[in-house]
Amino acid sequence: MRRTIKAYISRGDSYYVAECLEIGVVTQGRTLDETLVNLREAVALFLEGEDPADYDLAPNPSLLITMETEPVAHAG
């Protein structure tokens, strides 16, 4: 059983978008902090009343976040 749910966050035009492909959860937020709050809430709502084992998850899994960012431009 997996102890983590993997989430991927990317920056859209106006929002950050967070996806958990393993469980089909997608959410967004205007800021990174808002996106993380929304992601935690969306995952909790998705798993509410469900047996985590049905998704090959251990009880109370944590979120492992990967974030896509733009490369840093160096002044030259």
N, C-alpha and C. Protein backbone atom coordinates (compact mmCIF):
# COMPACT_ATOMS: atom_id res chain seq x y z
N MET A 1 0.83 -1.18 0.00
CA MET A 1 0.00 0.00 0.00
C MET A 1 0.87 1.25 0.00
N ARG A 2 0.40 2.23 -0.70
CA ARG A 2 1.13 3.50 -0.78
C ARG A 2 0.80 4.38 0.42
N ARG A 3 1.81 5.04 0.93
CA ARG A 3 1.63 5.96 2.06
C ARG A 3 1.46 7.40 1.60
N THR A 4 1.68 7.65 0.32
CA THR A 4 1.57 9.02 -0.20
C THR A 4 0.67 9.06 -1.43
N ILE A 5 0.06 10.20 -1.61
CA ILE A 5 -0.68 10.52 -2.83
C ILE A 5 0.16 11.56 -3.55
N LYS A 6 0.53 11.29 -4.78
CA LYS A 6 1.37 12.20 -5.53
C LYS A 6 0.50 13.25 -6.24
N ALA A 7 0.90 14.51 -6.06
CA ALA A 7 0.20 15.62 -6.70
C ALA A 7 1.19 16.42 -7.53
N TYR A 8 0.71 16.95 -8.63
CA TYR A 8 1.52 17.74 -9.55
C TYR A 8 0.88 19.11 -9.65
N ILE A 9 1.65 20.18 -9.41
CA ILE A 9 1.13 21.54 -9.51
C ILE A 9 1.85 22.27 -10.63
N SER A 10 1.07 22.91 -11.47
CA SER A 10 1.63 23.72 -12.56
C SER A 10 0.95 25.09 -12.56
N ARG A 11 1.58 26.03 -13.18
CA ARG A 11 1.06 27.40 -13.25
C ARG A 11 0.34 27.57 -14.58
N GLY A 12 -0.93 27.96 -14.51
CA GLY A 12 -1.68 28.29 -15.71
C GLY A 12 -1.60 29.78 -15.98
N ASP A 13 -2.47 30.30 -16.82
CA ASP A 13 -2.47 31.73 -17.13
C ASP A 13 -2.83 32.58 -15.91
N SER A 14 -3.85 32.17 -15.17
CA SER A 14 -4.32 32.94 -14.03
C SER A 14 -4.29 32.17 -12.72
N TYR A 15 -4.18 30.87 -12.79
CA TYR A 15 -4.29 30.02 -11.61
C TYR A 15 -3.18 28.98 -11.58
N TYR A 16 -2.93 28.47 -10.37
CA TYR A 16 -2.14 27.25 -10.22
C TYR A 16 -3.13 26.09 -10.31
N VAL A 17 -2.73 25.00 -10.93
CA VAL A 17 -3.58 23.83 -11.07
C VAL A 17 -2.88 22.65 -10.42
N ALA A 18 -3.60 21.93 -9.57
CA ALA A 18 -3.06 20.76 -8.87
C ALA A 18 -3.83 19.52 -9.31
N GLU A 19 -3.10 18.46 -9.64
CA GLU A 19 -3.71 17.21 -10.09
C GLU A 19 -3.13 16.04 -9.31
N CYS A 20 -4.01 15.15 -8.89
CA CYS A 20 -3.62 13.86 -8.31
C CYS A 20 -4.09 12.80 -9.30
N LEU A 21 -3.22 12.39 -10.18
CA LEU A 21 -3.62 11.47 -11.24
C LEU A 21 -4.01 10.10 -10.73
N GLU A 22 -3.44 9.69 -9.60
CA GLU A 22 -3.72 8.36 -9.06
C GLU A 22 -5.16 8.22 -8.57
N ILE A 23 -5.75 9.33 -8.12
CA ILE A 23 -7.11 9.25 -7.60
C ILE A 23 -8.08 10.18 -8.34
N GLY A 24 -7.63 10.85 -9.37
CA GLY A 24 -8.52 11.66 -10.19
C GLY A 24 -9.02 12.93 -9.54
N VAL A 25 -8.20 13.57 -8.72
CA VAL A 25 -8.57 14.83 -8.08
C VAL A 25 -7.85 15.97 -8.79
N VAL A 26 -8.61 17.02 -9.12
CA VAL A 26 -8.04 18.21 -9.74
C VAL A 26 -8.64 19.43 -9.04
N THR A 27 -7.80 20.43 -8.74
CA THR A 27 -8.29 21.66 -8.14
C THR A 27 -7.37 22.80 -8.59
N GLN A 28 -7.71 24.01 -8.17
CA GLN A 28 -6.91 25.18 -8.57
C GLN A 28 -6.98 26.24 -7.49
N GLY A 29 -6.14 27.27 -7.64
CA GLY A 29 -6.14 28.41 -6.74
C GLY A 29 -5.38 29.56 -7.36
N ARG A 30 -5.68 30.76 -6.91
CA ARG A 30 -4.99 31.94 -7.45
C ARG A 30 -3.55 32.04 -6.96
N THR A 31 -3.31 31.55 -5.74
CA THR A 31 -1.96 31.55 -5.17
C THR A 31 -1.55 30.10 -4.90
N LEU A 32 -0.28 29.90 -4.67
CA LEU A 32 0.20 28.56 -4.34
C LEU A 32 -0.38 28.10 -3.00
N ASP A 33 -0.43 29.00 -2.02
CA ASP A 33 -1.01 28.64 -0.72
C ASP A 33 -2.48 28.24 -0.86
N GLU A 34 -3.24 29.01 -1.61
CA GLU A 34 -4.66 28.69 -1.83
C GLU A 34 -4.80 27.35 -2.54
N THR A 35 -3.94 27.09 -3.49
CA THR A 35 -3.99 25.82 -4.24
C THR A 35 -3.73 24.65 -3.31
N LEU A 36 -2.75 24.77 -2.41
CA LEU A 36 -2.45 23.70 -1.47
C LEU A 36 -3.61 23.45 -0.52
N VAL A 37 -4.23 24.51 -0.02
CA VAL A 37 -5.40 24.37 0.86
C VAL A 37 -6.52 23.66 0.09
N ASN A 38 -6.77 24.10 -1.13
CA ASN A 38 -7.82 23.49 -1.95
C ASN A 38 -7.52 22.03 -2.25
N LEU A 39 -6.25 21.71 -2.48
CA LEU A 39 -5.86 20.34 -2.77
C LEU A 39 -6.11 19.44 -1.57
N ARG A 40 -5.68 19.88 -0.40
CA ARG A 40 -5.92 19.08 0.82
C ARG A 40 -7.42 18.84 1.01
N GLU A 41 -8.21 19.88 0.82
CA GLU A 41 -9.66 19.76 1.00
C GLU A 41 -10.27 18.82 -0.06
N ALA A 42 -9.84 18.95 -1.30
CA ALA A 42 -10.37 18.11 -2.37
C ALA A 42 -10.04 16.64 -2.15
N VAL A 43 -8.82 16.35 -1.71
CA VAL A 43 -8.42 14.97 -1.44
C VAL A 43 -9.22 14.42 -0.27
N ALA A 44 -9.37 15.23 0.79
CA ALA A 44 -10.15 14.79 1.96
C ALA A 44 -11.59 14.49 1.57
N LEU A 45 -12.20 15.35 0.75
CA LEU A 45 -13.57 15.13 0.31
C LEU A 45 -13.67 13.89 -0.57
N PHE A 46 -12.69 13.68 -1.43
CA PHE A 46 -12.68 12.51 -2.31
C PHE A 46 -12.64 11.22 -1.49
N LEU A 47 -11.82 11.21 -0.44
CA LEU A 47 -11.65 9.99 0.36
C LEU A 47 -12.68 9.85 1.48
N GLU A 48 -13.47 10.90 1.72
CA GLU A 48 -14.47 10.85 2.79
C GLU A 48 -15.45 9.70 2.57
N GLY A 49 -15.56 8.85 3.57
CA GLY A 49 -16.47 7.73 3.49
C GLY A 49 -15.96 6.57 2.64
N GLU A 50 -14.75 6.69 2.11
CA GLU A 50 -14.15 5.64 1.28
C GLU A 50 -13.13 4.85 2.10
N ASP A 51 -12.87 3.65 1.69
CA ASP A 51 -11.80 2.85 2.28
C ASP A 51 -10.54 3.13 1.48
N PRO A 52 -9.52 3.76 2.09
CA PRO A 52 -8.30 4.07 1.34
C PRO A 52 -7.69 2.83 0.66
N ALA A 53 -7.89 1.67 1.25
CA ALA A 53 -7.35 0.43 0.67
C ALA A 53 -7.93 0.17 -0.72
N ASP A 54 -9.13 0.67 -1.00
CA ASP A 54 -9.72 0.52 -2.33
C ASP A 54 -8.89 1.24 -3.40
N TYR A 55 -8.08 2.21 -2.98
CA TYR A 55 -7.20 2.97 -3.88
C TYR A 55 -5.74 2.60 -3.65
N ASP A 56 -5.51 1.46 -2.99
CA ASP A 56 -4.17 0.99 -2.65
C ASP A 56 -3.42 1.99 -1.78
N LEU A 57 -4.16 2.67 -0.89
CA LEU A 57 -3.58 3.66 0.01
C LEU A 57 -3.65 3.18 1.45
N ALA A 58 -2.60 3.48 2.21
CA ALA A 58 -2.60 3.24 3.64
C ALA A 58 -3.54 4.26 4.29
N PRO A 59 -4.01 3.98 5.51
CA PRO A 59 -4.84 4.98 6.21
C PRO A 59 -4.07 6.29 6.39
N ASN A 60 -4.77 7.40 6.27
CA ASN A 60 -4.19 8.74 6.45
C ASN A 60 -2.94 8.98 5.60
N PRO A 61 -3.04 8.83 4.28
CA PRO A 61 -1.86 9.08 3.43
C PRO A 61 -1.49 10.56 3.43
N SER A 62 -0.23 10.83 3.16
CA SER A 62 0.23 12.21 3.03
C SER A 62 0.30 12.58 1.55
N LEU A 63 0.41 13.88 1.29
CA LEU A 63 0.54 14.37 -0.08
C LEU A 63 2.01 14.62 -0.39
N LEU A 64 2.45 14.14 -1.54
CA LEU A 64 3.79 14.40 -2.05
C LEU A 64 3.61 15.30 -3.27
N ILE A 65 4.10 16.54 -3.17
CA ILE A 65 3.85 17.55 -4.19
C ILE A 65 5.07 17.74 -5.08
N THR A 66 4.84 17.73 -6.38
CA THR A 66 5.84 18.11 -7.37
C THR A 66 5.31 19.36 -8.06
N MET A 67 6.17 20.35 -8.22
CA MET A 67 5.72 21.60 -8.82
C MET A 67 6.57 21.97 -10.00
N GLU A 68 5.92 22.35 -11.07
CA GLU A 68 6.60 22.82 -12.28
C GLU A 68 6.80 24.33 -12.15
N THR A 69 8.03 24.78 -12.36
CA THR A 69 8.33 26.21 -12.30
C THR A 69 9.10 26.63 -13.54
N GLU A 70 9.11 27.92 -13.78
CA GLU A 70 9.89 28.48 -14.88
C GLU A 70 11.36 28.52 -14.46
N PRO A 71 12.28 28.32 -15.41
CA PRO A 71 13.70 28.42 -15.06
C PRO A 71 14.06 29.85 -14.65
N VAL A 72 15.06 29.95 -13.79
CA VAL A 72 15.53 31.25 -13.33
C VAL A 72 16.42 31.87 -14.41
N ALA A 73 16.12 33.09 -14.78
CA ALA A 73 16.94 33.79 -15.79
C ALA A 73 18.12 34.44 -15.09
N HIS A 74 19.30 34.25 -15.62
CA HIS A 74 20.50 34.85 -15.05
C HIS A 74 20.83 36.13 -15.79
N ALA A 75 21.14 37.18 -15.05
CA ALA A 75 21.54 38.45 -15.65
C ALA A 75 22.97 38.31 -16.16
N GLY A 76 23.20 38.78 -17.32
CA GLY A 76 24.54 38.60 -17.84
C GLY A 76 25.16 39.78 -18.36
